[in-house]
Amino acid sequence: MRKWMIGAALAALALVPASANAADKITIQLKWLVQTQFAGYYVALDKGFYKDAGLDVDILPGGPDNSPPQILAAHGADVMVDWMPSALAVRERGVPAVNIAQIFQRAGLMMVCRSDTVKTPADFKGKIIGAWFQGNEYPFLAWMQRLGYSISGPNRDISVLKQGYSIDPLLQRQAACIAGMSYNETYQIPKAGLKDKDVVWFSYQDNGVGTLEDGLYALQSTIADPAGFDRLARFVAGSIKGWDYAVKHQDEAVDIVMAHDTGGNLTRPYQVHMMREIAKLVGSTPHGTGYLDPADYERTVKVLMTGGSDPVISKPPTGAWTHDVFDAAVKYIGKQTSNP
């Protein structure tokens, strides 16, 4: 791993407590709309963890028409939440995004299929399979390539349906399988009337093709700047505290997220289910919430390079992640704890 930081940047965290200074502005671009997938950030905002770190944080919801990497590259945000396959793919294309913390340490991506059509991955051949795009397609493409299935050309093995964010293709039998998340479609599909016997779930993680999902990314230039590094470290510190609180106080976290749903689109039972499932993806390493396990990174890269002449990324990235911001954030949390 390439070390980004210089002594001046690390020394920034030894300055006077953040509360003694004017709050620094920082903007985070989420990957999707307001929901408990992002509970830790809203909790950190509402519980004052960002304020305690001397930050004035603006949380920008995402959506189907938003591309976090494009927004980050255009300096529309200081930090983005993105999946690592997307971040590494755009990095290879010239967007210098660097992973500064890995919030989800287990993949939630799944494929759900009609059990009367598909029972094992060997049954995918000849079927129509739905997949999300806009950066979410990379794990699917890598898995199909690993299985040896062609998804293009006149003699393709699988026909890919560009799936919207709906389970209708499965309900209406437009596709044998669709993409799903352990915290979303596991709630929607039973509510739609399909029983356990009607569907088969395939976890990308359990099938050896799980790739890292919601992580925090910043531009290389921001990390290299001592002042930018300091803001990022304090932001990660506040986010870690927010996520740890959300996992331990899930009902309160749901309340906080729903209060930020200005459109009134969220329902409490759904968000309670999501928060419970999200908690299973966060902080599963001994190093704690936000730590990027190098072995998980290497597995993600290996999966993305599977595919012969058409891999998601063409070569192992360099400088795509750093522990420096996480390490500084942990030190900052310790400093806050010892100096209440």
C-alpha atoms as a PDB file:
ATOM      1  CA  MET A   1       0.000   0.000   0.000  1.00  0.00           C
ATOM      2  CA  ARG A   2       1.258   3.435  -0.887  1.00  0.00           C
ATOM      3  CA  LYS A   3       1.590   5.738   2.122  1.00  0.00           C
ATOM      4  CA  TRP A   4       0.009   9.086   1.396  1.00  0.00           C
ATOM      5  CA  MET A   5       0.487  11.090   4.529  1.00  0.00           C
ATOM      6  CA  ILE A   6       3.350  13.260   5.615  1.00  0.00           C
ATOM      7  CA  GLY A   7       4.268  14.212   9.149  1.00  0.00           C
ATOM      8  CA  ALA A   8       2.595  17.603   8.899  1.00  0.00           C
ATOM      9  CA  ALA A   9      -0.764  15.982   8.144  1.00  0.00           C
ATOM     10  CA  LEU A  10      -0.536  13.556  11.037  1.00  0.00           C
ATOM     11  CA  ALA A  11       0.547  16.341  13.333  1.00  0.00           C
ATOM     12  CA  ALA A  12      -2.632  18.235  12.489  1.00  0.00           C
ATOM     13  CA  LEU A  13      -4.558  16.012  14.870  1.00  0.00           C
ATOM     14  CA  ALA A  14      -2.337  17.086  17.746  1.00  0.00           C
ATOM     15  CA  LEU A  15      -3.662  20.635  17.529  1.00  0.00           C
ATOM     16  CA  VAL A  16      -5.964  22.248  20.073  1.00  0.00           C
ATOM     17  CA  PRO A  17      -9.376  20.563  20.471  1.00  0.00           C
ATOM     18  CA  ALA A  18     -11.659  21.088  17.487  1.00  0.00           C
ATOM     19  CA  SER A  19     -14.288  22.754  19.680  1.00  0.00           C
ATOM     20  CA  ALA A  20     -11.901  25.690  20.115  1.00  0.00           C
ATOM     21  CA  ASN A  21     -11.952  26.433  16.395  1.00  0.00           C
ATOM     22  CA  ALA A  22     -14.672  27.462  13.963  1.00  0.00           C
ATOM     23  CA  ALA A  23     -16.475  24.471  12.506  1.00  0.00           C
ATOM     24  CA  ASP A  24     -15.014  23.198   9.240  1.00  0.00           C
ATOM     25  CA  LYS A  25     -17.415  22.484   6.406  1.00  0.00           C
ATOM     26  CA  ILE A  26     -17.460  19.014   4.904  1.00  0.00           C
ATOM     27  CA  THR A  27     -19.932  17.436   2.494  1.00  0.00           C
ATOM     28  CA  ILE A  28     -20.648  13.741   2.059  1.00  0.00           C
ATOM     29  CA  GLN A  29     -22.395  12.362  -1.024  1.00  0.00           C
ATOM     30  CA  LEU A  30     -24.441   9.234  -0.268  1.00  0.00           C
ATOM     31  CA  LYS A  31     -24.902   6.414  -2.740  1.00  0.00           C
ATOM     32  CA  TRP A  32     -28.682   6.347  -2.451  1.00  0.00           C
ATOM     33  CA  LEU A  33     -31.730   8.065  -0.977  1.00  0.00           C
ATOM     34  CA  VAL A  34     -32.299   8.647   2.734  1.00  0.00           C
ATOM     35  CA  GLN A  35     -32.628   5.284   4.492  1.00  0.00           C
ATOM     36  CA  THR A  36     -30.996   3.358   7.325  1.00  0.00           C
ATOM     37  CA  GLN A  37     -28.328   2.111   4.937  1.00  0.00           C
ATOM     38  CA  PHE A  38     -26.705   5.423   5.932  1.00  0.00           C
ATOM     39  CA  ALA A  39     -27.864   5.543   9.544  1.00  0.00           C
ATOM     40  CA  GLY A  40     -24.411   6.148  11.021  1.00  0.00           C
ATOM     41  CA  TYR A  41     -23.966   9.478   9.243  1.00  0.00           C
ATOM     42  CA  TYR A  42     -27.365  10.820  10.263  1.00  0.00           C
ATOM     43  CA  VAL A  43     -26.825   9.619  13.825  1.00  0.00           C
ATOM     44  CA  ALA A  44     -23.420  11.335  13.933  1.00  0.00           C
ATOM     45  CA  LEU A  45     -25.063  14.531  12.720  1.00  0.00           C
ATOM     46  CA  ASP A  46     -27.996  14.471  15.147  1.00  0.00           C
ATOM     47  CA  LYS A  47     -26.094  13.233  18.203  1.00  0.00           C
ATOM     48  CA  GLY A  48     -23.469  15.947  17.766  1.00  0.00           C
ATOM     49  CA  PHE A  49     -20.528  13.662  16.991  1.00  0.00           C
ATOM     50  CA  TYR A  50     -19.564  15.746  13.966  1.00  0.00           C
ATOM     51  CA  LYS A  51     -20.058  18.983  15.897  1.00  0.00           C
ATOM     52  CA  ASP A  52     -17.847  17.641  18.695  1.00  0.00           C
ATOM     53  CA  ALA A  53     -15.192  17.029  16.040  1.00  0.00           C
ATOM     54  CA  GLY A  54     -15.395  20.660  14.931  1.00  0.00           C
ATOM     55  CA  LEU A  55     -17.280  19.902  11.728  1.00  0.00           C
ATOM     56  CA  ASP A  56     -20.310  21.340   9.974  1.00  0.00           C
ATOM     57  CA  VAL A  57     -21.415  18.362   7.879  1.00  0.00           C
ATOM     58  CA  ASP A  58     -23.808  18.443   4.941  1.00  0.00           C
ATOM     59  CA  ILE A  59     -25.243  15.052   3.930  1.00  0.00           C
ATOM     60  CA  LEU A  60     -26.328  14.857   0.283  1.00  0.00           C
ATOM     61  CA  PRO A  61     -28.760  12.031  -0.556  1.00  0.00           C
ATOM     62  CA  GLY A  62     -28.105  10.082  -3.730  1.00  0.00           C
ATOM     63  CA  GLY A  63     -30.529   8.513  -6.162  1.00  0.00           C
ATOM     64  CA  PRO A  64     -30.876   6.782  -9.518  1.00  0.00           C
ATOM     65  CA  ASP A  65     -29.661   9.852 -11.416  1.00  0.00           C
ATOM     66  CA  ASN A  66     -26.690  10.606  -9.154  1.00  0.00           C
ATOM     67  CA  SER A  67     -23.165   9.328  -9.701  1.00  0.00           C
ATOM     68  CA  PRO A  68     -21.098   9.738  -6.509  1.00  0.00           C
ATOM     69  CA  PRO A  69     -17.760   9.410  -8.382  1.00  0.00           C
ATOM     70  CA  GLN A  70     -18.720  12.173 -10.805  1.00  0.00           C
ATOM     71  CA  ILE A  71     -19.835  14.408  -7.956  1.00  0.00           C
ATOM     72  CA  LEU A  72     -16.619  13.735  -6.037  1.00  0.00           C
ATOM     73  CA  ALA A  73     -14.468  14.354  -9.123  1.00  0.00           C
ATOM     74  CA  ALA A  74     -16.260  17.672  -9.721  1.00  0.00           C
ATOM     75  CA  HIS A  75     -15.617  18.681  -6.085  1.00  0.00           C
ATOM     76  CA  GLY A  76     -19.339  18.637  -5.374  1.00  0.00           C
ATOM     77  CA  ALA A  77     -18.541  16.646  -2.223  1.00  0.00           C
ATOM     78  CA  ASP A  78     -15.496  16.044  -0.049  1.00  0.00           C
ATOM     79  CA  VAL A  79     -16.347  12.409   0.636  1.00  0.00           C
ATOM     80  CA  MET A  80     -18.512   9.875  -1.137  1.00  0.00           C
ATOM     81  CA  VAL A  81     -20.104   6.603  -0.119  1.00  0.00           C
ATOM     82  CA  ASP A  82     -19.544   4.070  -2.884  1.00  0.00           C
ATOM     83  CA  TRP A  83     -18.974   0.408  -3.563  1.00  0.00           C
ATOM     84  CA  MET A  84     -15.355  -0.523  -4.131  1.00  0.00           C
ATOM     85  CA  PRO A  85     -15.943  -2.076  -7.600  1.00  0.00           C
ATOM     86  CA  SER A  86     -17.317   1.261  -8.790  1.00  0.00           C
ATOM     87  CA  ALA A  87     -14.570   3.252  -7.079  1.00  0.00           C
ATOM     88  CA  LEU A  88     -11.782   1.102  -8.524  1.00  0.00           C
ATOM     89  CA  ALA A  89     -13.307   1.131 -11.991  1.00  0.00           C
ATOM     90  CA  VAL A  90     -13.527   4.931 -12.085  1.00  0.00           C
ATOM     91  CA  ARG A  91     -10.054   5.198 -10.570  1.00  0.00           C
ATOM     92  CA  GLU A  92      -8.680   3.249 -13.511  1.00  0.00           C
ATOM     93  CA  ARG A  93     -10.473   5.711 -15.774  1.00  0.00           C
ATOM     94  CA  GLY A  94      -8.812   8.675 -14.116  1.00  0.00           C
ATOM     95  CA  VAL A  95     -10.828   9.669 -11.013  1.00  0.00           C
ATOM     96  CA  PRO A  96      -8.263   9.525  -8.154  1.00  0.00           C
ATOM     97  CA  ALA A  97     -10.648   8.250  -5.466  1.00  0.00           C
ATOM     98  CA  VAL A  98      -9.009   6.680  -2.406  1.00  0.00           C
ATOM     99  CA  ASN A  99     -10.691   4.496   0.228  1.00  0.00           C
ATOM    100  CA  ILE A 100     -10.218   6.170   3.625  1.00  0.00           C
ATOM    101  CA  ALA A 101     -12.550   3.928   5.670  1.00  0.00           C
ATOM    102  CA  GLN A 102     -14.541   0.765   5.000  1.00  0.00           C
ATOM    103  CA  ILE A 103     -17.863   0.910   6.844  1.00  0.00           C
ATOM    104  CA  PHE A 104     -19.482  -2.250   5.423  1.00  0.00           C
ATOM    105  CA  GLN A 105     -17.119  -5.148   6.028  1.00  0.00           C
ATOM    106  CA  ARG A 106     -19.376  -7.816   4.563  1.00  0.00           C
ATOM    107  CA  ALA A 107     -21.195  -7.741   1.214  1.00  0.00           C
ATOM    108  CA  GLY A 108     -24.966  -7.442   1.245  1.00  0.00           C
ATOM    109  CA  LEU A 109     -25.414  -7.982  -2.504  1.00  0.00           C
ATOM    110  CA  MET A 110     -27.506 -10.998  -3.456  1.00  0.00           C
ATOM    111  CA  MET A 111     -29.261 -12.522  -6.430  1.00  0.00           C
ATOM    112  CA  VAL A 112     -32.792 -13.787  -5.933  1.00  0.00           C
ATOM    113  CA  CYS A 113     -34.337 -16.263  -8.365  1.00  0.00           C
ATOM    114  CA  ARG A 114     -37.620 -18.038  -8.911  1.00  0.00           C
ATOM    115  CA  SER A 115     -37.094 -21.510  -7.437  1.00  0.00           C
ATOM    116  CA  ASP A 116     -39.157 -23.180 -10.176  1.00  0.00           C
ATOM    117  CA  THR A 117     -36.637 -21.856 -12.734  1.00  0.00           C
ATOM    118  CA  VAL A 118     -33.266 -21.635 -11.008  1.00  0.00           C
ATOM    119  CA  LYS A 119     -31.916 -23.725  -8.159  1.00  0.00           C
ATOM    120  CA  THR A 120     -28.134 -23.403  -8.612  1.00  0.00           C
ATOM    121  CA  PRO A 121     -25.800 -21.090 -10.573  1.00  0.00           C
ATOM    122  CA  ALA A 122     -25.602 -23.831 -13.214  1.00  0.00           C
ATOM    123  CA  ASP A 123     -29.226 -22.976 -14.034  1.00  0.00           C
ATOM    124  CA  PHE A 124     -28.403 -19.368 -14.963  1.00  0.00           C
ATOM    125  CA  LYS A 125     -27.519 -20.390 -18.512  1.00  0.00           C
ATOM    126  CA  GLY A 126     -30.218 -19.496 -21.006  1.00  0.00           C
ATOM    127  CA  LYS A 127     -32.084 -17.282 -18.555  1.00  0.00           C
ATOM    128  CA  ILE A 128     -32.896 -13.596 -18.363  1.00  0.00           C
ATOM    129  CA  ILE A 129     -31.213 -12.091 -15.326  1.00  0.00           C
ATOM    130  CA  GLY A 130     -31.747  -8.602 -13.995  1.00  0.00           C
ATOM    131  CA  ALA A 131     -28.780  -6.513 -12.901  1.00  0.00           C
ATOM    132  CA  TRP A 132     -28.355  -2.988 -11.591  1.00  0.00           C
ATOM    133  CA  PHE A 133     -26.075  -0.640 -13.497  1.00  0.00           C
ATOM    134  CA  GLN A 134     -24.621   2.839 -12.806  1.00  0.00           C
ATOM    135  CA  GLY A 135     -21.595   1.269 -11.105  1.00  0.00           C
ATOM    136  CA  ASN A 136     -23.485  -1.548  -9.364  1.00  0.00           C
ATOM    137  CA  GLU A 137     -23.086  -3.976 -12.251  1.00  0.00           C
ATOM    138  CA  TYR A 138     -19.424  -4.790 -11.698  1.00  0.00           C
ATOM    139  CA  PRO A 139     -19.816  -7.605  -9.131  1.00  0.00           C
ATOM    140  CA  PHE A 140     -22.468  -9.216 -11.359  1.00  0.00           C
ATOM    141  CA  LEU A 141     -20.278  -8.986 -14.465  1.00  0.00           C
ATOM    142  CA  ALA A 142     -17.331 -10.432 -12.568  1.00  0.00           C
ATOM    143  CA  TRP A 143     -19.412 -13.356 -11.264  1.00  0.00           C
ATOM    144  CA  MET A 144     -20.796 -14.207 -14.706  1.00  0.00           C
ATOM    145  CA  GLN A 145     -17.291 -14.049 -16.152  1.00  0.00           C
ATOM    146  CA  ARG A 146     -15.994 -16.334 -13.405  1.00  0.00           C
ATOM    147  CA  LEU A 147     -18.781 -18.811 -14.168  1.00  0.00           C
ATOM    148  CA  GLY A 148     -17.813 -18.696 -17.843  1.00  0.00           C
ATOM    149  CA  TYR A 149     -21.099 -17.236 -19.052  1.00  0.00           C
ATOM    150  CA  SER A 150     -21.165 -14.868 -22.014  1.00  0.00           C
ATOM    151  CA  ILE A 151     -23.581 -11.966 -21.637  1.00  0.00           C
ATOM    152  CA  SER A 152     -23.150 -10.327 -25.041  1.00  0.00           C
ATOM    153  CA  GLY A 153     -23.208 -11.245 -28.701  1.00  0.00           C
ATOM    154  CA  PRO A 154     -25.604 -13.446 -30.683  1.00  0.00           C
ATOM    155  CA  ASN A 155     -24.527 -16.614 -28.861  1.00  0.00           C
ATOM    156  CA  ARG A 156     -24.662 -15.225 -25.330  1.00  0.00           C
ATOM    157  CA  ASP A 157     -25.407 -17.611 -22.493  1.00  0.00           C
ATOM    158  CA  ILE A 158     -27.405 -15.100 -20.459  1.00  0.00           C
ATOM    159  CA  SER A 159     -29.644 -12.202 -21.436  1.00  0.00           C
ATOM    160  CA  VAL A 160     -29.165  -9.273 -19.069  1.00  0.00           C
ATOM    161  CA  LEU A 161     -32.124  -7.114 -18.145  1.00  0.00           C
ATOM    162  CA  LYS A 162     -31.107  -3.614 -17.135  1.00  0.00           C
ATOM    163  CA  GLN A 163     -32.987  -3.670 -13.885  1.00  0.00           C
ATOM    164  CA  GLY A 164     -34.624  -0.677 -12.305  1.00  0.00           C
ATOM    165  CA  TYR A 165     -34.892  -0.377  -8.546  1.00  0.00           C
ATOM    166  CA  SER A 166     -37.978  -2.585  -8.406  1.00  0.00           C
ATOM    167  CA  ILE A 167     -38.723  -6.267  -7.844  1.00  0.00           C
ATOM    168  CA  ASP A 168     -41.390  -6.222 -10.576  1.00  0.00           C
ATOM    169  CA  PRO A 169     -39.286  -8.183 -13.113  1.00  0.00           C
ATOM    170  CA  LEU A 170     -39.266 -11.135 -10.707  1.00  0.00           C
ATOM    171  CA  LEU A 171     -42.921 -10.789  -9.733  1.00  0.00           C
ATOM    172  CA  GLN A 172     -44.040 -10.517 -13.357  1.00  0.00           C
ATOM    173  CA  ARG A 173     -41.645 -13.257 -14.547  1.00  0.00           C
ATOM    174  CA  GLN A 174     -39.815 -10.881 -16.863  1.00  0.00           C
ATOM    175  CA  ALA A 175     -36.587 -12.301 -15.447  1.00  0.00           C
ATOM    176  CA  ALA A 176     -35.670 -15.563 -13.763  1.00  0.00           C
ATOM    177  CA  CYS A 177     -33.424 -13.715 -11.313  1.00  0.00           C
ATOM    178  CA  ILE A 178     -32.897 -10.149 -10.173  1.00  0.00           C
ATOM    179  CA  ALA A 179     -30.390  -8.249  -8.076  1.00  0.00           C
ATOM    180  CA  GLY A 180     -31.200  -7.753  -4.429  1.00  0.00           C
ATOM    181  CA  MET A 181     -29.695  -6.589  -1.162  1.00  0.00           C
ATOM    182  CA  SER A 182     -29.778  -8.397   2.156  1.00  0.00           C
ATOM    183  CA  TYR A 183     -31.383  -5.317   3.688  1.00  0.00           C
ATOM    184  CA  ASN A 184     -33.872  -4.362   0.951  1.00  0.00           C
ATOM    185  CA  GLU A 185     -35.322  -7.124  -1.177  1.00  0.00           C
ATOM    186  CA  THR A 186     -35.407  -9.583   1.741  1.00  0.00           C
ATOM    187  CA  TYR A 187     -38.173  -7.341   3.069  1.00  0.00           C
ATOM    188  CA  GLN A 188     -39.879  -6.416  -0.203  1.00  0.00           C
ATOM    189  CA  ILE A 189     -40.218  -9.891  -1.694  1.00  0.00           C
ATOM    190  CA  PRO A 190     -42.076 -11.539   1.228  1.00  0.00           C
ATOM    191  CA  LYS A 191     -44.288  -8.435   1.451  1.00  0.00           C
ATOM    192  CA  ALA A 192     -45.140  -8.935  -2.230  1.00  0.00           C
ATOM    193  CA  GLY A 193     -46.472 -12.409  -1.473  1.00  0.00           C
ATOM    194  CA  LEU A 194     -43.614 -14.716  -2.489  1.00  0.00           C
ATOM    195  CA  LYS A 195     -42.907 -17.347   0.144  1.00  0.00           C
ATOM    196  CA  ASP A 196     -39.578 -18.909   1.106  1.00  0.00           C
ATOM    197  CA  LYS A 197     -40.280 -21.916  -1.112  1.00  0.00           C
ATOM    198  CA  ASP A 198     -40.868 -19.650  -4.125  1.00  0.00           C
ATOM    199  CA  VAL A 199     -37.396 -18.113  -4.233  1.00  0.00           C
ATOM    200  CA  VAL A 200     -33.722 -18.991  -3.945  1.00  0.00           C
ATOM    201  CA  TRP A 201     -31.224 -16.478  -2.588  1.00  0.00           C
ATOM    202  CA  PHE A 202     -27.591 -16.443  -3.722  1.00  0.00           C
ATOM    203  CA  SER A 203     -25.217 -14.387  -1.587  1.00  0.00           C
ATOM    204  CA  TYR A 204     -22.271 -12.983  -3.507  1.00  0.00           C
ATOM    205  CA  GLN A 205     -20.234 -13.213  -0.306  1.00  0.00           C
ATOM    206  CA  ASP A 206     -21.049 -16.890   0.218  1.00  0.00           C
ATOM    207  CA  ASN A 207     -20.325 -17.687  -3.431  1.00  0.00           C
ATOM    208  CA  GLY A 208     -16.794 -16.309  -3.168  1.00  0.00           C
ATOM    209  CA  VAL A 209     -17.458 -13.214  -5.256  1.00  0.00           C
ATOM    210  CA  GLY A 210     -18.401 -10.784  -2.515  1.00  0.00           C
ATOM    211  CA  THR A 211     -16.842  -7.388  -3.089  1.00  0.00           C
ATOM    212  CA  LEU A 212     -16.613  -4.504  -0.648  1.00  0.00           C
ATOM    213  CA  GLU A 213     -19.622  -2.232  -0.650  1.00  0.00           C
ATOM    214  CA  ASP A 214     -20.300   0.998   1.275  1.00  0.00           C
ATOM    215  CA  GLY A 215     -16.938   2.612   1.963  1.00  0.00           C
ATOM    216  CA  LEU A 216     -15.810   6.212   2.343  1.00  0.00           C
ATOM    217  CA  TYR A 217     -13.723   7.707  -0.476  1.00  0.00           C
ATOM    218  CA  ALA A 218     -11.965  11.031  -0.898  1.00  0.00           C
ATOM    219  CA  LEU A 219      -9.826  12.511  -3.642  1.00  0.00           C
ATOM    220  CA  GLN A 220      -6.102  11.878  -3.508  1.00  0.00           C
ATOM    221  CA  SER A 221      -5.460  15.625  -3.518  1.00  0.00           C
ATOM    222  CA  THR A 222      -7.638  16.182  -0.439  1.00  0.00           C
ATOM    223  CA  ILE A 223      -5.815  13.472   1.498  1.00  0.00           C
ATOM    224  CA  ALA A 224      -2.403  14.864   0.534  1.00  0.00           C
ATOM    225  CA  ASP A 225      -3.302  18.326   1.853  1.00  0.00           C
ATOM    226  CA  PRO A 226      -2.656  18.573   5.637  1.00  0.00           C
ATOM    227  CA  ALA A 227      -5.799  20.634   6.280  1.00  0.00           C
ATOM    228  CA  GLY A 228      -7.881  18.315   4.105  1.00  0.00           C
ATOM    229  CA  PHE A 229      -6.436  15.277   5.848  1.00  0.00           C
ATOM    230  CA  ASP A 230      -7.330  16.754   9.239  1.00  0.00           C
ATOM    231  CA  ARG A 231     -10.948  17.356   8.196  1.00  0.00           C
ATOM    232  CA  LEU A 232     -11.242  13.853   6.770  1.00  0.00           C
ATOM    233  CA  ALA A 233      -9.802  12.243   9.898  1.00  0.00           C
ATOM    234  CA  ARG A 234     -12.246  14.108  12.112  1.00  0.00           C
ATOM    235  CA  PHE A 235     -15.087  13.199   9.758  1.00  0.00           C
ATOM    236  CA  VAL A 236     -14.178   9.508   9.878  1.00  0.00           C
ATOM    237  CA  ALA A 237     -13.935   9.739  13.677  1.00  0.00           C
ATOM    238  CA  GLY A 238     -17.439  11.191  13.914  1.00  0.00           C
ATOM    239  CA  SER A 239     -18.760   8.621  11.428  1.00  0.00           C
ATOM    240  CA  ILE A 240     -17.265   5.711  13.373  1.00  0.00           C
ATOM    241  CA  LYS A 241     -18.941   6.985  16.533  1.00  0.00           C
ATOM    242  CA  GLY A 242     -22.203   7.430  14.642  1.00  0.00           C
ATOM    243  CA  TRP A 243     -22.155   3.902  13.248  1.00  0.00           C
ATOM    244  CA  ASP A 244     -21.213   2.330  16.555  1.00  0.00           C
ATOM    245  CA  TYR A 245     -24.071   4.190  18.231  1.00  0.00           C
ATOM    246  CA  ALA A 246     -26.540   3.244  15.471  1.00  0.00           C
ATOM    247  CA  VAL A 247     -25.703  -0.460  15.743  1.00  0.00           C
ATOM    248  CA  LYS A 248     -26.130  -0.401  19.535  1.00  0.00           C
ATOM    249  CA  HIS A 249     -29.285   1.765  19.515  1.00  0.00           C
ATOM    250  CA  GLN A 250     -31.111   0.599  16.416  1.00  0.00           C
ATOM    251  CA  ASP A 251     -34.594   1.874  17.287  1.00  0.00           C
ATOM    252  CA  GLU A 252     -33.259   5.357  17.978  1.00  0.00           C
ATOM    253  CA  ALA A 253     -31.227   5.236  14.769  1.00  0.00           C
ATOM    254  CA  VAL A 254     -34.385   4.430  12.816  1.00  0.00           C
ATOM    255  CA  ASP A 255     -36.146   7.398  14.429  1.00  0.00           C
ATOM    256  CA  ILE A 256     -33.276   9.706  13.456  1.00  0.00           C
ATOM    257  CA  VAL A 257     -33.196   8.542   9.841  1.00  0.00           C
ATOM    258  CA  MET A 258     -36.960   8.820   9.453  1.00  0.00           C
ATOM    259  CA  ALA A 259     -36.818  12.393  10.745  1.00  0.00           C
ATOM    260  CA  HIS A 260     -34.524  13.201   7.799  1.00  0.00           C
ATOM    261  CA  ASP A 261     -36.984  11.707   5.295  1.00  0.00           C
ATOM    262  CA  THR A 262     -38.553  14.998   4.252  1.00  0.00           C
ATOM    263  CA  GLY A 263     -40.584  13.300   1.534  1.00  0.00           C
ATOM    264  CA  GLY A 264     -42.289  10.931   3.941  1.00  0.00           C
ATOM    265  CA  ASN A 265     -41.416   7.901   1.820  1.00  0.00           C
ATOM    266  CA  LEU A 266     -40.055   5.653   4.566  1.00  0.00           C
ATOM    267  CA  THR A 267     -42.063   3.197   6.641  1.00  0.00           C
ATOM    268  CA  ARG A 268     -40.902   2.218  10.084  1.00  0.00           C
ATOM    269  CA  PRO A 269     -41.216  -1.615   9.745  1.00  0.00           C
ATOM    270  CA  TYR A 270     -39.124  -1.515   6.581  1.00  0.00           C
ATOM    271  CA  GLN A 271     -36.449   0.668   8.189  1.00  0.00           C
ATOM    272  CA  VAL A 272     -36.348  -1.491  11.314  1.00  0.00           C
ATOM    273  CA  HIS A 273     -35.704  -4.527   9.094  1.00  0.00           C
ATOM    274  CA  MET A 274     -33.058  -2.640   7.125  1.00  0.00           C
ATOM    275  CA  MET A 275     -31.267  -1.399  10.237  1.00  0.00           C
ATOM    276  CA  ARG A 276     -31.123  -4.922  11.641  1.00  0.00           C
ATOM    277  CA  GLU A 277     -29.603  -6.271   8.436  1.00  0.00           C
ATOM    278  CA  ILE A 278     -27.239  -3.320   7.965  1.00  0.00           C
ATOM    279  CA  ALA A 279     -25.865  -3.901  11.474  1.00  0.00           C
ATOM    280  CA  LYS A 280     -24.681  -7.347  10.311  1.00  0.00           C
ATOM    281  CA  LEU A 281     -22.508  -5.742   7.628  1.00  0.00           C
ATOM    282  CA  VAL A 282     -20.802  -3.134   9.825  1.00  0.00           C
ATOM    283  CA  GLY A 283     -17.713  -3.546  11.971  1.00  0.00           C
ATOM    284  CA  SER A 284     -16.961  -7.245  11.694  1.00  0.00           C
ATOM    285  CA  THR A 285     -13.152  -7.024  12.043  1.00  0.00           C
ATOM    286  CA  PRO A 286     -11.240  -6.925  15.353  1.00  0.00           C
ATOM    287  CA  HIS A 287      -9.933  -3.493  14.338  1.00  0.00           C
ATOM    288  CA  GLY A 288     -13.409  -2.013  14.583  1.00  0.00           C
ATOM    289  CA  THR A 289     -15.834  -0.073  12.440  1.00  0.00           C
ATOM    290  CA  GLY A 290     -14.275   1.601   9.426  1.00  0.00           C
ATOM    291  CA  TYR A 291     -11.198  -0.603   9.129  1.00  0.00           C
ATOM    292  CA  LEU A 292     -10.356  -1.862   5.651  1.00  0.00           C
ATOM    293  CA  ASP A 293      -9.070  -5.426   5.884  1.00  0.00           C
ATOM    294  CA  PRO A 294      -6.320  -5.745   3.240  1.00  0.00           C
ATOM    295  CA  ALA A 295      -7.410  -9.347   2.580  1.00  0.00           C
ATOM    296  CA  ASP A 296     -10.921  -8.143   1.706  1.00  0.00           C
ATOM    297  CA  TYR A 297      -9.435  -5.526  -0.589  1.00  0.00           C
ATOM    298  CA  GLU A 298      -7.281  -8.125  -2.339  1.00  0.00           C
ATOM    299  CA  ARG A 299     -10.282 -10.431  -2.748  1.00  0.00           C
ATOM    300  CA  THR A 300     -12.285  -7.595  -4.301  1.00  0.00           C
ATOM    301  CA  VAL A 301      -9.485  -6.825  -6.753  1.00  0.00           C
ATOM    302  CA  LYS A 302      -9.129 -10.517  -7.647  1.00  0.00           C
ATOM    303  CA  VAL A 303     -12.855 -10.834  -8.323  1.00  0.00           C
ATOM    304  CA  LEU A 304     -12.870  -7.717 -10.488  1.00  0.00           C
ATOM    305  CA  MET A 305      -9.918  -8.931 -12.539  1.00  0.00           C
ATOM    306  CA  THR A 306     -11.645 -12.222 -13.309  1.00  0.00           C
ATOM    307  CA  GLY A 307     -12.952 -12.371 -16.835  1.00  0.00           C
ATOM    308  CA  GLY A 308     -10.184 -13.035 -19.309  1.00  0.00           C
ATOM    309  CA  SER A 309     -10.195 -10.381 -22.021  1.00  0.00           C
ATOM    310  CA  ASP A 310     -12.918  -8.258 -20.411  1.00  0.00           C
ATOM    311  CA  PRO A 311     -12.200  -7.759 -16.695  1.00  0.00           C
ATOM    312  CA  VAL A 312     -13.789  -4.939 -14.702  1.00  0.00           C
ATOM    313  CA  ILE A 313     -10.307  -3.547 -14.016  1.00  0.00           C
ATOM    314  CA  SER A 314      -7.309  -4.380 -16.163  1.00  0.00           C
ATOM    315  CA  LYS A 315      -4.564  -4.339 -13.529  1.00  0.00           C
ATOM    316  CA  PRO A 316      -4.131  -4.214  -9.743  1.00  0.00           C
ATOM    317  CA  PRO A 317      -4.630  -0.618  -8.618  1.00  0.00           C
ATOM    318  CA  THR A 318      -1.946   1.305  -6.773  1.00  0.00           C
ATOM    319  CA  GLY A 319      -2.659   3.862  -4.077  1.00  0.00           C
ATOM    320  CA  ALA A 320      -6.365   3.046  -4.018  1.00  0.00           C
ATOM    321  CA  TRP A 321      -6.617   2.880  -0.230  1.00  0.00           C
ATOM    322  CA  THR A 322      -4.927   4.111   2.904  1.00  0.00           C
ATOM    323  CA  HIS A 323      -5.159   3.324   6.615  1.00  0.00           C
ATOM    324  CA  ASP A 324      -3.677   6.698   7.513  1.00  0.00           C
ATOM    325  CA  VAL A 325      -6.998   8.535   7.803  1.00  0.00           C
ATOM    326  CA  PHE A 326      -8.586   5.677   9.775  1.00  0.00           C
ATOM    327  CA  ASP A 327      -5.607   5.455  12.124  1.00  0.00           C
ATOM    328  CA  ALA A 328      -5.701   9.206  12.723  1.00  0.00           C
ATOM    329  CA  ALA A 329      -9.457   9.024  13.325  1.00  0.00           C
ATOM    330  CA  VAL A 330      -9.017   6.313  15.945  1.00  0.00           C
ATOM    331  CA  LYS A 331      -6.370   8.439  17.669  1.00  0.00           C
ATOM    332  CA  TYR A 332      -8.702  11.404  17.573  1.00  0.00           C
ATOM    333  CA  ILE A 333     -11.506   9.373  19.190  1.00  0.00           C
ATOM    334  CA  GLY A 334      -9.085   8.308  21.912  1.00  0.00           C
ATOM    335  CA  LYS A 335      -8.108  11.921  22.456  1.00  0.00           C
ATOM    336  CA  GLN A 336     -11.768  12.947  22.764  1.00  0.00           C
ATOM    337  CA  THR A 337     -12.376  10.135  25.255  1.00  0.00           C
ATOM    338  CA  SER A 338      -9.402  11.048  27.430  1.00  0.00           C
ATOM    339  CA  ASN A 339     -10.250  14.765  27.327  1.00  0.00           C
ATOM    340  CA  PRO A 340     -14.027  15.004  27.688  1.00  0.00           C
END
